[in-house]
Protein backbone atom coordinates (compact mmCIF):
# COMPACT_ATOMS: atom_id res chain seq x y z
CA LYS A 1 164.69 66.67 145.10
CA ILE A 2 168.77 65.75 145.58
CA SER A 3 170.05 65.94 148.80
CA MET A 4 173.29 68.05 149.14
CA SER A 5 174.75 66.38 152.16
CA ARG A 6 177.51 64.02 151.80
CA LYS A 7 177.75 60.57 153.13
CA GLY A 8 178.13 60.15 156.84
CA ASP A 9 177.01 64.24 157.26
CA CYS A 10 175.42 64.22 161.09
CA TRP A 11 173.77 67.36 160.48
CA HIS A 12 171.72 66.17 157.31
CA VAL A 13 168.80 64.86 159.21
CA PRO A 14 168.30 67.82 161.92
CA THR A 15 168.91 70.34 159.39
CA LYS A 16 166.04 68.85 157.00
CA SER A 17 163.88 68.45 160.25
CA PHE A 18 163.97 71.98 160.78
CA TRP A 19 163.06 73.08 157.61
CA ASP A 20 160.44 70.46 157.05
CA ARG A 21 158.72 71.63 160.44
CA LEU A 22 159.44 75.36 159.66
CA LYS A 23 157.33 74.87 156.09
CA VAL A 24 154.83 72.72 157.67
CA GLY A 25 154.26 74.85 160.62
CA ARG A 26 154.56 78.39 159.13
CA PHE A 27 154.31 78.35 155.72
CA HIS A 28 151.71 75.73 154.48
CA ASP A 29 149.22 77.03 152.34
CA SER A 30 150.60 80.69 153.24
CA LYS A 31 151.29 83.53 150.64
CA PHE A 32 153.29 86.64 151.29
CA ALA A 33 153.06 90.02 149.42
CA THR A 34 156.53 90.60 150.22
CA ARG A 35 159.62 88.88 151.31
CA LEU A 36 159.80 90.89 154.19
CA GLN A 37 156.49 89.49 155.22
CA ALA A 38 157.83 86.15 154.72
CA MET A 39 161.02 86.76 156.90
CA ASP A 40 158.83 88.22 159.65
CA LYS A 41 157.10 84.91 159.85
CA VAL A 42 160.55 82.93 159.94
CA ILE A 43 161.70 85.09 162.83
CA GLU A 44 158.70 84.79 164.84
CA TRP A 45 158.52 80.84 164.26
CA THR A 46 162.37 80.51 165.29
CA THR A 47 162.00 82.80 168.21
CA PHE A 48 159.15 80.69 169.37
CA GLN A 49 160.83 77.60 168.73
CA ASN A 50 164.00 78.61 170.74
CA HIS A 51 162.47 80.44 173.36
CA ARG A 52 159.18 79.11 174.26
CA ARG A 53 158.34 75.76 172.79
CA ILE A 54 159.27 73.06 175.45
CA GLN A 55 160.73 69.93 174.20
CA SER A 56 160.65 66.16 176.04
CA SER A 57 164.18 65.49 174.79
CA LEU A 58 165.42 68.81 176.74
CA GLY A 59 163.67 67.79 179.81
CA TYR A 60 160.54 70.20 179.34
CA PHE A 61 162.70 73.21 178.83
CA SER A 62 163.08 75.10 175.71
CA PRO A 63 166.09 75.21 174.08
CA MET A 64 167.16 78.44 175.24
CA GLN A 65 166.29 77.61 178.92
CA PHE A 66 168.16 74.08 178.85
CA GLU A 67 171.21 76.27 177.26
CA LYS A 68 171.17 78.68 180.13
CA SER A 69 171.24 75.89 182.81
CA TRP A 70 174.46 74.28 181.66
CA PRO A 71 177.50 75.63 183.63
CA ALA A 72 179.82 77.96 182.51
CA ASN A 73 183.00 76.60 181.38
C-alpha cells in the first residue's frame, strides 16, 4: 500500500508500528458483528498499552506511569 507520509516525517515509523501492533495483537483473524464491538476492542487494547504494559525503553514503566513520573513544569 502507498505510504501517506512525507519525506522526513518523524511520526511515520511510530504511527505505523502502533497500527501494526494493534492489528496483529487484537484484530488478527477477528470478526466483529458490529462496529461498536470493534471499537470496544480498540479501546481495551489502547488502555492496556498505555496503563498496564511495561516497556523496557521507559525503565520498565507503563507509558502513563512514566509520564506521571516527570516533574511538572
